[in-house]
Amino acid sequence: MLTINGKKVVADGITLNNYLTQAGYQKERVAVELNGSIIPHSAYEQTRLTDNDKIEIVQFVGGG
């Protein structure tokens, strides 16, 4: 089980890219911290989520 933005989630074994797609995030508009490290967009497809990972996802929103 993972912790994503403070909530327990079952997503073990999938890539970060797949999780973001399944959860409906626009990958170009998010920043992801995995276990205290910022993950660059170029590494989303290679980053595999594992049990006990702690992830924070921040979405950028435009506005005026």
PDB file of N, CA and C in Angstrom:
ATOM      1  N   MET A   1       0.848  -1.174   0.000  1.00  0.00           N
ATOM      2  CA  MET A   1       0.000   0.000   0.000  1.00  0.00           C
ATOM      3  C   MET A   1       0.897   1.241   0.000  1.00  0.00           C
ATOM      4  N   LEU A   2       0.527   2.228  -0.799  1.00  0.00           N
ATOM      5  CA  LEU A   2       1.266   3.476  -0.916  1.00  0.00           C
ATOM      6  C   LEU A   2       0.525   4.589  -0.188  1.00  0.00           C
ATOM      7  N   THR A   3       1.228   5.654   0.100  1.00  0.00           N
ATOM      8  CA  THR A   3       0.589   6.854   0.615  1.00  0.00           C
ATOM      9  C   THR A   3       0.760   7.933  -0.444  1.00  0.00           C
ATOM     10  N   ILE A   4      -0.361   8.393  -0.985  1.00  0.00           N
ATOM     11  CA  ILE A   4      -0.336   9.440  -2.014  1.00  0.00           C
ATOM     12  C   ILE A   4      -1.159  10.610  -1.504  1.00  0.00           C
ATOM     13  N   ASN A   5      -0.483  11.747  -1.356  1.00  0.00           N
ATOM     14  CA  ASN A   5      -1.115  12.960  -0.823  1.00  0.00           C
ATOM     15  C   ASN A   5      -1.848  12.677   0.497  1.00  0.00           C
ATOM     16  N   GLY A   6      -1.217  11.869   1.337  1.00  0.00           N
ATOM     17  CA  GLY A   6      -1.748  11.581   2.664  1.00  0.00           C
ATOM     18  C   GLY A   6      -2.793  10.479   2.731  1.00  0.00           C
ATOM     19  N   LYS A   7      -3.150   9.877   1.599  1.00  0.00           N
ATOM     20  CA  LYS A   7      -4.164   8.818   1.583  1.00  0.00           C
ATOM     21  C   LYS A   7      -3.526   7.495   1.192  1.00  0.00           C
ATOM     22  N   LYS A   8      -3.984   6.422   1.813  1.00  0.00           N
ATOM     23  CA  LYS A   8      -3.511   5.079   1.478  1.00  0.00           C
ATOM     24  C   LYS A   8      -4.130   4.638   0.158  1.00  0.00           C
ATOM     25  N   VAL A   9      -3.279   4.156  -0.750  1.00  0.00           N
ATOM     26  CA  VAL A   9      -3.714   3.763  -2.091  1.00  0.00           C
ATOM     27  C   VAL A   9      -3.052   2.442  -2.452  1.00  0.00           C
ATOM     28  N   VAL A  10      -3.808   1.560  -3.107  1.00  0.00           N
ATOM     29  CA  VAL A  10      -3.230   0.322  -3.621  1.00  0.00           C
ATOM     30  C   VAL A  10      -2.865   0.573  -5.076  1.00  0.00           C
ATOM     31  N   ALA A  11      -1.564   0.648  -5.364  1.00  0.00           N
ATOM     32  CA  ALA A  11      -1.083   0.876  -6.737  1.00  0.00           C
ATOM     33  C   ALA A  11       0.304   0.276  -6.887  1.00  0.00           C
ATOM     34  N   ASP A  12       0.599  -0.726  -6.092  1.00  0.00           N
ATOM     35  CA  ASP A  12       1.918  -1.336  -6.065  1.00  0.00           C
ATOM     36  C   ASP A  12       2.271  -1.979  -7.402  1.00  0.00           C
ATOM     37  N   GLY A  13       3.479  -1.703  -7.881  1.00  0.00           N
ATOM     38  CA  GLY A  13       3.992  -2.365  -9.073  1.00  0.00           C
ATOM     39  C   GLY A  13       3.765  -1.636 -10.381  1.00  0.00           C
ATOM     40  N   ILE A  14       2.917  -0.592 -10.399  1.00  0.00           N
ATOM     41  CA  ILE A  14       2.731   0.135 -11.655  1.00  0.00           C
ATOM     42  C   ILE A  14       3.726   1.285 -11.722  1.00  0.00           C
ATOM     43  N   THR A  15       3.871   1.838 -12.901  1.00  0.00           N
ATOM     44  CA  THR A  15       4.788   2.968 -13.035  1.00  0.00           C
ATOM     45  C   THR A  15       4.084   4.252 -12.600  1.00  0.00           C
ATOM     46  N   LEU A  16       4.889   5.224 -12.267  1.00  0.00           N
ATOM     47  CA  LEU A  16       4.348   6.531 -11.901  1.00  0.00           C
ATOM     48  C   LEU A  16       3.543   7.097 -13.070  1.00  0.00           C
ATOM     49  N   ASN A  17       4.044   6.938 -14.284  1.00  0.00           N
ATOM     50  CA  ASN A  17       3.345   7.414 -15.472  1.00  0.00           C
ATOM     51  C   ASN A  17       1.954   6.790 -15.570  1.00  0.00           C
ATOM     52  N   ASN A  18       1.857   5.472 -15.381  1.00  0.00           N
ATOM     53  CA  ASN A  18       0.557   4.794 -15.451  1.00  0.00           C
ATOM     54  C   ASN A  18      -0.376   5.258 -14.341  1.00  0.00           C
ATOM     55  N   TYR A  19       0.155   5.437 -13.136  1.00  0.00           N
ATOM     56  CA  TYR A  19      -0.691   5.906 -12.037  1.00  0.00           C
ATOM     57  C   TYR A  19      -1.271   7.273 -12.356  1.00  0.00           C
ATOM     58  N   LEU A  20      -0.421   8.192 -12.805  1.00  0.00           N
ATOM     59  CA  LEU A  20      -0.886   9.548 -13.101  1.00  0.00           C
ATOM     60  C   LEU A  20      -1.961   9.538 -14.190  1.00  0.00           C
ATOM     61  N   THR A  21      -1.782   8.698 -15.207  1.00  0.00           N
ATOM     62  CA  THR A  21      -2.768   8.586 -16.279  1.00  0.00           C
ATOM     63  C   THR A  21      -4.085   8.037 -15.735  1.00  0.00           C
ATOM     64  N   GLN A  22      -4.021   6.946 -14.971  1.00  0.00           N
ATOM     65  CA  GLN A  22      -5.229   6.321 -14.413  1.00  0.00           C
ATOM     66  C   GLN A  22      -5.967   7.252 -13.460  1.00  0.00           C
ATOM     67  N   ALA A  23      -5.222   8.074 -12.727  1.00  0.00           N
ATOM     68  CA  ALA A  23      -5.835   8.980 -11.751  1.00  0.00           C
ATOM     69  C   ALA A  23      -6.337  10.270 -12.396  1.00  0.00           C
ATOM     70  N   GLY A  24      -6.072  10.447 -13.697  1.00  0.00           N
ATOM     71  CA  GLY A  24      -6.603  11.602 -14.408  1.00  0.00           C
ATOM     72  C   GLY A  24      -5.768  12.866 -14.328  1.00  0.00           C
ATOM     73  N   TYR A  25      -4.515  12.742 -13.925  1.00  0.00           N
ATOM     74  CA  TYR A  25      -3.642  13.918 -13.853  1.00  0.00           C
ATOM     75  C   TYR A  25      -3.125  14.279 -15.244  1.00  0.00           C
ATOM     76  N   GLN A  26      -2.947  15.569 -15.495  1.00  0.00           N
ATOM     77  CA  GLN A  26      -2.251  16.037 -16.687  1.00  0.00           C
ATOM     78  C   GLN A  26      -0.779  16.073 -16.329  1.00  0.00           C
ATOM     79  N   LYS A  27      -0.013  15.146 -16.850  1.00  0.00           N
ATOM     80  CA  LYS A  27       1.382  14.970 -16.422  1.00  0.00           C
ATOM     81  C   LYS A  27       2.234  16.212 -16.624  1.00  0.00           C
ATOM     82  N   GLU A  28       1.891  17.036 -17.615  1.00  0.00           N
ATOM     83  CA  GLU A  28       2.675  18.248 -17.849  1.00  0.00           C
ATOM     84  C   GLU A  28       2.414  19.309 -16.783  1.00  0.00           C
ATOM     85  N   ARG A  29       1.347  19.130 -16.005  1.00  0.00           N
ATOM     86  CA  ARG A  29       0.948  20.145 -15.037  1.00  0.00           C
ATOM     87  C   ARG A  29       1.104  19.700 -13.584  1.00  0.00           C
ATOM     88  N   VAL A  30       1.953  18.691 -13.350  1.00  0.00           N
ATOM     89  CA  VAL A  30       2.159  18.226 -11.986  1.00  0.00           C
ATOM     90  C   VAL A  30       3.647  18.173 -11.651  1.00  0.00           C
ATOM     91  N   ALA A  31       3.911  18.231 -10.363  1.00  0.00           N
ATOM     92  CA  ALA A  31       5.240  17.936  -9.826  1.00  0.00           C
ATOM     93  C   ALA A  31       5.042  16.787  -8.849  1.00  0.00           C
ATOM     94  N   VAL A  32       5.968  15.828  -8.864  1.00  0.00           N
ATOM     95  CA  VAL A  32       5.830  14.635  -8.026  1.00  0.00           C
ATOM     96  C   VAL A  32       7.065  14.481  -7.146  1.00  0.00           C
ATOM     97  N   GLU A  33       6.798  14.305  -5.852  1.00  0.00           N
ATOM     98  CA  GLU A  33       7.851  13.996  -4.889  1.00  0.00           C
ATOM     99  C   GLU A  33       7.645  12.559  -4.436  1.00  0.00           C
ATOM    100  N   LEU A  34       8.673  11.747  -4.571  1.00  0.00           N
ATOM    101  CA  LEU A  34       8.615  10.337  -4.188  1.00  0.00           C
ATOM    102  C   LEU A  34       9.646  10.101  -3.106  1.00  0.00           C
ATOM    103  N   ASN A  35       9.180   9.751  -1.915  1.00  0.00           N
ATOM    104  CA  ASN A  35      10.069   9.477  -0.776  1.00  0.00           C
ATOM    105  C   ASN A  35      11.079  10.607  -0.553  1.00  0.00           C
ATOM    106  N   GLY A  36      10.613  11.845  -0.692  1.00  0.00           N
ATOM    107  CA  GLY A  36      11.447  13.004  -0.396  1.00  0.00           C
ATOM    108  C   GLY A  36      12.255  13.542  -1.553  1.00  0.00           C
ATOM    109  N   SER A  37      12.177  12.923  -2.730  1.00  0.00           N
ATOM    110  CA  SER A  37      12.928  13.381  -3.901  1.00  0.00           C
ATOM    111  C   SER A  37      11.971  13.758  -5.028  1.00  0.00           C
ATOM    112  N   ILE A  38      12.266  14.887  -5.690  1.00  0.00           N
ATOM    113  CA  ILE A  38      11.465  15.302  -6.838  1.00  0.00           C
ATOM    114  C   ILE A  38      11.819  14.393  -8.021  1.00  0.00           C
ATOM    115  N   ILE A  39      10.794  13.882  -8.690  1.00  0.00           N
ATOM    116  CA  ILE A  39      10.997  13.002  -9.839  1.00  0.00           C
ATOM    117  C   ILE A  39      10.826  13.835 -11.115  1.00  0.00           C
ATOM    118  N   PRO A  40      11.833  13.873 -11.986  1.00  0.00           N
ATOM    119  CA  PRO A  40      11.684  14.621 -13.237  1.00  0.00           C
ATOM    120  C   PRO A  40      10.685  13.939 -14.181  1.00  0.00           C
ATOM    121  N   HIS A  41       9.993  14.738 -14.980  1.00  0.00           N
ATOM    122  CA  HIS A  41       8.996  14.198 -15.917  1.00  0.00           C
ATOM    123  C   HIS A  41       9.597  13.101 -16.794  1.00  0.00           C
ATOM    124  N   SER A  42      10.854  13.247 -17.149  1.00  0.00           N
ATOM    125  CA  SER A  42      11.501  12.269 -18.028  1.00  0.00           C
ATOM    126  C   SER A  42      11.650  10.898 -17.371  1.00  0.00           C
ATOM    127  N   ALA A  43      11.492  10.811 -16.061  1.00  0.00           N
ATOM    128  CA  ALA A  43      11.654   9.537 -15.349  1.00  0.00           C
ATOM    129  C   ALA A  43      10.321   8.885 -14.967  1.00  0.00           C
ATOM    130  N   TYR A  44       9.190   9.491 -15.293  1.00  0.00           N
ATOM    131  CA  TYR A  44       7.885   8.948 -14.900  1.00  0.00           C
ATOM    132  C   TYR A  44       7.668   7.528 -15.421  1.00  0.00           C
ATOM    133  N   GLU A  45       8.055   7.266 -16.662  1.00  0.00           N
ATOM    134  CA  GLU A  45       7.806   5.943 -17.240  1.00  0.00           C
ATOM    135  C   GLU A  45       8.689   4.858 -16.630  1.00  0.00           C
ATOM    136  N   GLN A  46       9.865   5.216 -16.130  1.00  0.00           N
ATOM    137  CA  GLN A  46      10.784   4.234 -15.552  1.00  0.00           C
ATOM    138  C   GLN A  46      10.617   4.078 -14.041  1.00  0.00           C
ATOM    139  N   THR A  47       9.866   4.971 -13.418  1.00  0.00           N
ATOM    140  CA  THR A  47       9.722   4.948 -11.960  1.00  0.00           C
ATOM    141  C   THR A  47       8.586   4.019 -11.572  1.00  0.00           C
ATOM    142  N   ARG A  48       8.942   2.903 -10.953  1.00  0.00           N
ATOM    143  CA  ARG A  48       7.954   1.908 -10.535  1.00  0.00           C
ATOM    144  C   ARG A  48       7.595   2.161  -9.071  1.00  0.00           C
ATOM    145  N   LEU A  49       6.296   2.195  -8.792  1.00  0.00           N
ATOM    146  CA  LEU A  49       5.813   2.428  -7.430  1.00  0.00           C
ATOM    147  C   LEU A  49       5.853   1.119  -6.652  1.00  0.00           C
ATOM    148  N   THR A  50       6.324   1.199  -5.415  1.00  0.00           N
ATOM    149  CA  THR A  50       6.430   0.005  -4.591  1.00  0.00           C
ATOM    150  C   THR A  50       5.768   0.224  -3.240  1.00  0.00           C
ATOM    151  N   ASP A  51       5.512  -0.868  -2.561  1.00  0.00           N
ATOM    152  CA  ASP A  51       4.883  -0.845  -1.248  1.00  0.00           C
ATOM    153  C   ASP A  51       5.632   0.099  -0.316  1.00  0.00           C
ATOM    154  N   ASN A  52       4.898   0.876   0.456  1.00  0.00           N
ATOM    155  CA  ASN A  52       5.408   1.824   1.453  1.00  0.00           C
ATOM    156  C   ASN A  52       5.975   3.115   0.876  1.00  0.00           C
ATOM    157  N   ASP A  53       5.880   3.341  -0.448  1.00  0.00           N
ATOM    158  CA  ASP A  53       6.295   4.627  -1.006  1.00  0.00           C
ATOM    159  C   ASP A  53       5.396   5.733  -0.475  1.00  0.00           C
ATOM    160  N   LYS A  54       5.989   6.917  -0.315  1.00  0.00           N
ATOM    161  CA  LYS A  54       5.227   8.108   0.071  1.00  0.00           C
ATOM    162  C   LYS A  54       5.363   9.111  -1.062  1.00  0.00           C
ATOM    163  N   ILE A  55       4.214   9.482  -1.615  1.00  0.00           N
ATOM    164  CA  ILE A  55       4.194  10.326  -2.809  1.00  0.00           C
ATOM    165  C   ILE A  55       3.348  11.569  -2.538  1.00  0.00           C
ATOM    166  N   GLU A  56       3.862  12.700  -2.988  1.00  0.00           N
ATOM    167  CA  GLU A  56       3.104  13.950  -2.962  1.00  0.00           C
ATOM    168  C   GLU A  56       3.005  14.430  -4.400  1.00  0.00           C
ATOM    169  N   ILE A  57       1.790  14.720  -4.836  1.00  0.00           N
ATOM    170  CA  ILE A  57       1.554  15.211  -6.190  1.00  0.00           C
ATOM    171  C   ILE A  57       0.963  16.603  -6.071  1.00  0.00           C
ATOM    172  N   VAL A  58       1.614  17.567  -6.727  1.00  0.00           N
ATOM    173  CA  VAL A  58       1.136  18.956  -6.719  1.00  0.00           C
ATOM    174  C   VAL A  58       0.743  19.308  -8.137  1.00  0.00           C
ATOM    175  N   GLN A  59      -0.488  19.825  -8.292  1.00  0.00           N
ATOM    176  CA  GLN A  59      -0.973  20.244  -9.604  1.00  0.00           C
ATOM    177  C   GLN A  59      -0.837  21.751  -9.740  1.00  0.00           C
ATOM    178  N   PHE A  60      -0.403  22.179 -10.906  1.00  0.00           N
ATOM    179  CA  PHE A  60      -0.331  23.605 -11.197  1.00  0.00           C
ATOM    180  C   PHE A  60      -1.614  24.007 -11.882  1.00  0.00           C
ATOM    181  N   VAL A  61      -2.215  25.104 -11.405  1.00  0.00           N
ATOM    182  CA  VAL A  61      -3.431  25.603 -12.006  1.00  0.00           C
ATOM    183  C   VAL A  61      -3.237  27.045 -12.425  1.00  0.00           C
ATOM    184  N   GLY A  62      -3.769  27.359 -13.563  1.00  0.00           N
ATOM    185  CA  GLY A  62      -3.684  28.737 -14.051  1.00  0.00           C
ATOM    186  C   GLY A  62      -4.853  29.547 -13.519  1.00  0.00           C
ATOM    187  N   GLY A  63      -4.714  30.802 -13.593  1.00  0.00           N
ATOM    188  CA  GLY A  63      -5.796  31.667 -13.138  1.00  0.00           C
ATOM    189  C   GLY A  63      -5.329  33.101 -13.123  1.00  0.00           C
ATOM    190  N   GLY A  64      -6.237  33.948 -12.781  1.00  0.00           N
ATOM    191  CA  GLY A  64      -5.854  35.350 -12.815  1.00  0.00           C
ATOM    192  C   GLY A  64      -6.269  36.109 -11.631  1.00  0.00           C
TER     193      GLY A  64
END
